[in-house]
Amino acid sequence: MTIPTPVPIGRRLALVSETDIEIYRFQPAGHVAATLGTRNGPVCAPLLVYSVLSADSIRLVHSDGVAITWTNIEIERDVLRAECEGRIKTFTIE
């Protein structure tokens, strides 16, 4: 049985932050195009791989093996909230 993906596929997720940049676009084939960095600072655009852990959790993995897990994912209208490394992050869904 396949677990449904707890993030919107093909839509842009943008972190709500005054200082940090995190933009993700999840693709059906298990890849994520990301833009990560800080405003007025360095930015990178890695291609990540994601896997669904449960109905409300995913793991993002970079090619160098660094993994980040999002848990307790909730979507309400055009907002996604997820716990990541002990912090709640809020993303707009565009």
N, C-alpha and C. Protein backbone atom coordinates (compact mmCIF):
# COMPACT_ATOMS: atom_id res chain seq x y z
N MET A 1 0.84 -1.18 0.00
CA MET A 1 0.00 0.00 0.00
C MET A 1 0.88 1.25 0.00
N THR A 2 0.59 2.19 -0.86
CA THR A 2 1.36 3.42 -0.97
C THR A 2 0.79 4.47 -0.02
N ILE A 3 1.68 5.13 0.70
CA ILE A 3 1.27 6.20 1.61
C ILE A 3 1.11 7.48 0.78
N PRO A 4 0.01 8.21 0.94
CA PRO A 4 -0.14 9.46 0.20
C PRO A 4 0.96 10.47 0.58
N THR A 5 1.38 11.25 -0.38
CA THR A 5 2.40 12.27 -0.13
C THR A 5 1.79 13.41 0.67
N PRO A 6 2.38 13.74 1.84
CA PRO A 6 1.79 14.78 2.69
C PRO A 6 2.12 16.21 2.28
N VAL A 7 2.77 16.38 1.13
CA VAL A 7 3.09 17.72 0.62
C VAL A 7 2.47 17.88 -0.76
N PRO A 8 2.13 19.11 -1.15
CA PRO A 8 1.53 19.30 -2.47
C PRO A 8 2.58 19.11 -3.58
N ILE A 9 2.23 18.31 -4.57
CA ILE A 9 3.12 18.01 -5.69
C ILE A 9 2.94 19.07 -6.77
N GLY A 10 4.08 19.56 -7.29
CA GLY A 10 4.04 20.52 -8.39
C GLY A 10 3.73 21.95 -7.99
N ARG A 11 3.56 22.20 -6.72
CA ARG A 11 3.29 23.56 -6.23
C ARG A 11 4.53 24.09 -5.54
N ARG A 12 4.64 25.38 -5.45
CA ARG A 12 5.79 26.04 -4.84
C ARG A 12 5.51 26.25 -3.35
N LEU A 13 6.44 25.82 -2.50
CA LEU A 13 6.36 26.07 -1.06
C LEU A 13 7.43 27.10 -0.72
N ALA A 14 7.05 28.20 -0.11
CA ALA A 14 8.00 29.26 0.24
C ALA A 14 7.93 29.52 1.74
N LEU A 15 9.08 29.43 2.40
CA LEU A 15 9.16 29.66 3.84
C LEU A 15 8.76 31.09 4.17
N VAL A 16 7.96 31.24 5.22
CA VAL A 16 7.60 32.56 5.72
C VAL A 16 8.70 32.95 6.71
N SER A 17 9.58 33.87 6.27
CA SER A 17 10.71 34.29 7.10
C SER A 17 11.23 35.63 6.62
N GLU A 18 11.67 36.44 7.56
CA GLU A 18 12.28 37.73 7.23
C GLU A 18 13.74 37.56 6.82
N THR A 19 14.38 36.46 7.24
CA THR A 19 15.82 36.31 7.03
C THR A 19 16.22 35.12 6.17
N ASP A 20 15.49 34.02 6.28
CA ASP A 20 15.87 32.78 5.58
C ASP A 20 15.08 32.59 4.30
N ILE A 21 15.72 31.95 3.33
CA ILE A 21 15.06 31.57 2.08
C ILE A 21 15.02 30.06 2.01
N GLU A 22 13.82 29.52 1.90
CA GLU A 22 13.63 28.09 1.65
C GLU A 22 12.44 27.98 0.70
N ILE A 23 12.71 27.55 -0.51
CA ILE A 23 11.67 27.37 -1.51
C ILE A 23 11.80 25.94 -2.03
N TYR A 24 10.69 25.23 -2.07
CA TYR A 24 10.69 23.84 -2.52
C TYR A 24 9.60 23.63 -3.55
N ARG A 25 9.90 22.78 -4.54
CA ARG A 25 8.89 22.33 -5.49
C ARG A 25 9.05 20.81 -5.61
N PHE A 26 8.10 20.08 -5.04
CA PHE A 26 8.13 18.62 -5.03
C PHE A 26 7.59 18.08 -6.35
N GLN A 27 8.30 17.11 -6.92
CA GLN A 27 7.91 16.49 -8.18
C GLN A 27 7.42 15.06 -7.92
N PRO A 28 6.54 14.54 -8.78
CA PRO A 28 5.98 13.21 -8.54
C PRO A 28 7.02 12.09 -8.53
N ALA A 29 8.14 12.27 -9.21
CA ALA A 29 9.14 11.20 -9.31
C ALA A 29 10.05 11.11 -8.08
N GLY A 30 9.77 11.90 -7.03
CA GLY A 30 10.56 11.81 -5.81
C GLY A 30 11.69 12.81 -5.70
N HIS A 31 11.71 13.81 -6.57
CA HIS A 31 12.74 14.85 -6.51
C HIS A 31 12.14 16.16 -6.02
N VAL A 32 13.01 17.00 -5.46
CA VAL A 32 12.60 18.31 -4.97
C VAL A 32 13.60 19.34 -5.48
N ALA A 33 13.11 20.31 -6.24
CA ALA A 33 13.95 21.45 -6.61
C ALA A 33 13.87 22.44 -5.46
N ALA A 34 15.02 22.82 -4.92
CA ALA A 34 15.04 23.68 -3.74
C ALA A 34 15.90 24.91 -3.99
N THR A 35 15.55 25.99 -3.32
CA THR A 35 16.39 27.18 -3.25
C THR A 35 16.53 27.48 -1.76
N LEU A 36 17.77 27.49 -1.28
CA LEU A 36 18.03 27.64 0.15
C LEU A 36 19.07 28.72 0.39
N GLY A 37 18.89 29.51 1.43
CA GLY A 37 19.89 30.53 1.75
C GLY A 37 19.35 31.58 2.68
N THR A 38 19.98 32.75 2.62
CA THR A 38 19.56 33.87 3.45
C THR A 38 19.34 35.09 2.56
N ARG A 39 18.42 35.94 2.97
CA ARG A 39 18.17 37.17 2.22
C ARG A 39 19.42 38.03 2.26
N ASN A 40 19.77 38.60 1.13
CA ASN A 40 20.98 39.42 0.99
C ASN A 40 22.24 38.65 1.35
N GLY A 41 22.21 37.33 1.17
CA GLY A 41 23.37 36.50 1.49
C GLY A 41 23.48 35.36 0.49
N PRO A 42 24.25 34.35 0.84
CA PRO A 42 24.44 33.23 -0.08
C PRO A 42 23.17 32.40 -0.26
N VAL A 43 23.01 31.89 -1.48
CA VAL A 43 21.86 31.06 -1.84
C VAL A 43 22.37 29.90 -2.68
N CYS A 44 21.78 28.72 -2.50
CA CYS A 44 22.12 27.57 -3.34
C CYS A 44 20.82 26.94 -3.85
N ALA A 45 20.95 26.11 -4.87
CA ALA A 45 19.76 25.51 -5.48
C ALA A 45 19.98 24.01 -5.69
N PRO A 46 19.98 23.23 -4.61
CA PRO A 46 20.21 21.80 -4.76
C PRO A 46 18.98 21.06 -5.28
N LEU A 47 19.22 19.93 -5.89
CA LEU A 47 18.16 19.00 -6.24
C LEU A 47 18.18 17.91 -5.17
N LEU A 48 17.09 17.78 -4.46
CA LEU A 48 16.99 16.82 -3.36
C LEU A 48 16.12 15.65 -3.77
N VAL A 49 16.21 14.59 -3.00
CA VAL A 49 15.33 13.43 -3.16
C VAL A 49 14.48 13.36 -1.90
N TYR A 50 13.18 13.08 -2.07
CA TYR A 50 12.35 12.94 -0.88
C TYR A 50 11.72 11.56 -0.83
N SER A 51 11.44 11.14 0.39
CA SER A 51 10.71 9.89 0.59
C SER A 51 9.63 10.15 1.64
N VAL A 52 8.51 9.49 1.46
CA VAL A 52 7.39 9.61 2.38
C VAL A 52 7.61 8.61 3.51
N LEU A 53 7.63 9.11 4.74
CA LEU A 53 7.80 8.25 5.91
C LEU A 53 6.47 7.82 6.50
N SER A 54 5.50 8.74 6.47
CA SER A 54 4.16 8.45 6.99
C SER A 54 3.20 9.45 6.38
N ALA A 55 1.95 9.40 6.80
CA ALA A 55 0.94 10.31 6.26
C ALA A 55 1.22 11.77 6.60
N ASP A 56 2.12 12.03 7.57
CA ASP A 56 2.44 13.42 7.92
C ASP A 56 3.94 13.67 8.07
N SER A 57 4.77 12.83 7.44
CA SER A 57 6.22 12.99 7.57
C SER A 57 6.93 12.64 6.27
N ILE A 58 7.98 13.42 5.96
CA ILE A 58 8.83 13.13 4.80
C ILE A 58 10.29 13.31 5.20
N ARG A 59 11.17 12.75 4.39
CA ARG A 59 12.61 12.95 4.57
C ARG A 59 13.16 13.50 3.26
N LEU A 60 13.94 14.58 3.37
CA LEU A 60 14.62 15.18 2.23
C LEU A 60 16.09 14.81 2.34
N VAL A 61 16.68 14.34 1.24
CA VAL A 61 18.08 13.91 1.27
C VAL A 61 18.84 14.60 0.14
N HIS A 62 19.99 15.17 0.49
CA HIS A 62 20.89 15.80 -0.46
C HIS A 62 21.84 14.73 -1.00
N SER A 63 22.44 14.96 -2.13
CA SER A 63 23.34 13.98 -2.75
C SER A 63 24.53 13.62 -1.86
N ASP A 64 24.90 14.50 -0.93
CA ASP A 64 26.01 14.19 -0.03
C ASP A 64 25.57 13.40 1.20
N GLY A 65 24.29 13.00 1.23
CA GLY A 65 23.79 12.17 2.30
C GLY A 65 23.16 12.91 3.46
N VAL A 66 23.24 14.23 3.47
CA VAL A 66 22.61 15.01 4.54
C VAL A 66 21.09 14.88 4.41
N ALA A 67 20.44 14.53 5.51
CA ALA A 67 18.99 14.32 5.49
C ALA A 67 18.30 15.26 6.48
N ILE A 68 17.14 15.73 6.08
CA ILE A 68 16.29 16.56 6.93
C ILE A 68 14.91 15.91 6.95
N THR A 69 14.33 15.80 8.12
CA THR A 69 13.01 15.19 8.25
C THR A 69 11.99 16.24 8.64
N TRP A 70 10.88 16.26 7.92
CA TRP A 70 9.73 17.10 8.27
C TRP A 70 8.69 16.18 8.90
N THR A 71 8.19 16.54 10.07
CA THR A 71 7.17 15.75 10.75
C THR A 71 5.97 16.63 11.07
N ASN A 72 4.90 16.00 11.46
CA ASN A 72 3.66 16.70 11.85
C ASN A 72 3.23 17.71 10.78
N ILE A 73 3.32 17.31 9.53
CA ILE A 73 2.94 18.19 8.43
C ILE A 73 1.44 18.40 8.44
N GLU A 74 1.06 19.67 8.39
CA GLU A 74 -0.36 20.05 8.35
C GLU A 74 -0.56 21.07 7.24
N ILE A 75 -1.64 20.91 6.49
CA ILE A 75 -1.98 21.88 5.45
C ILE A 75 -3.33 22.46 5.78
N GLU A 76 -3.38 23.79 5.78
CA GLU A 76 -4.64 24.51 5.97
C GLU A 76 -4.70 25.60 4.91
N ARG A 77 -5.63 25.44 4.00
CA ARG A 77 -5.77 26.33 2.85
C ARG A 77 -4.46 26.41 2.09
N ASP A 78 -3.85 27.59 2.00
CA ASP A 78 -2.60 27.76 1.26
C ASP A 78 -1.39 27.89 2.17
N VAL A 79 -1.44 27.20 3.31
CA VAL A 79 -0.33 27.23 4.27
C VAL A 79 0.01 25.80 4.68
N LEU A 80 1.31 25.51 4.69
CA LEU A 80 1.80 24.22 5.18
C LEU A 80 2.68 24.49 6.38
N ARG A 81 2.46 23.72 7.45
CA ARG A 81 3.31 23.81 8.64
C ARG A 81 3.94 22.44 8.86
N ALA A 82 5.22 22.46 9.26
CA ALA A 82 5.92 21.21 9.53
C ALA A 82 6.96 21.44 10.61
N GLU A 83 7.20 20.41 11.40
CA GLU A 83 8.26 20.47 12.39
C GLU A 83 9.54 19.97 11.73
N CYS A 84 10.60 20.75 11.88
CA CYS A 84 11.88 20.42 11.26
C CYS A 84 12.99 20.74 12.25
N GLU A 85 13.70 19.73 12.68
CA GLU A 85 14.80 19.90 13.63
C GLU A 85 14.37 20.69 14.86
N GLY A 86 13.20 20.36 15.38
CA GLY A 86 12.71 20.97 16.61
C GLY A 86 12.03 22.32 16.44
N ARG A 87 11.94 22.82 15.21
CA ARG A 87 11.30 24.11 14.94
C ARG A 87 10.07 23.91 14.07
N ILE A 88 9.05 24.70 14.31
CA ILE A 88 7.89 24.70 13.43
C ILE A 88 8.16 25.69 12.31
N LYS A 89 8.06 25.22 11.07
CA LYS A 89 8.25 26.09 9.91
C LYS A 89 6.91 26.26 9.21
N THR A 90 6.68 27.47 8.72
CA THR A 90 5.45 27.79 8.00
C THR A 90 5.80 28.16 6.57
N PHE A 91 5.11 27.54 5.63
CA PHE A 91 5.33 27.78 4.21
C PHE A 91 4.03 28.22 3.55
N THR A 92 4.12 29.16 2.62
CA THR A 92 2.97 29.44 1.79
C THR A 92 2.99 28.46 0.63
N ILE A 93 1.81 28.07 0.18
CA ILE A 93 1.66 27.17 -0.96
C ILE A 93 1.19 28.02 -2.13
N GLU A 94 2.00 28.06 -3.17
CA GLU A 94 1.68 28.91 -4.33
C GLU A 94 1.46 28.07 -5.56
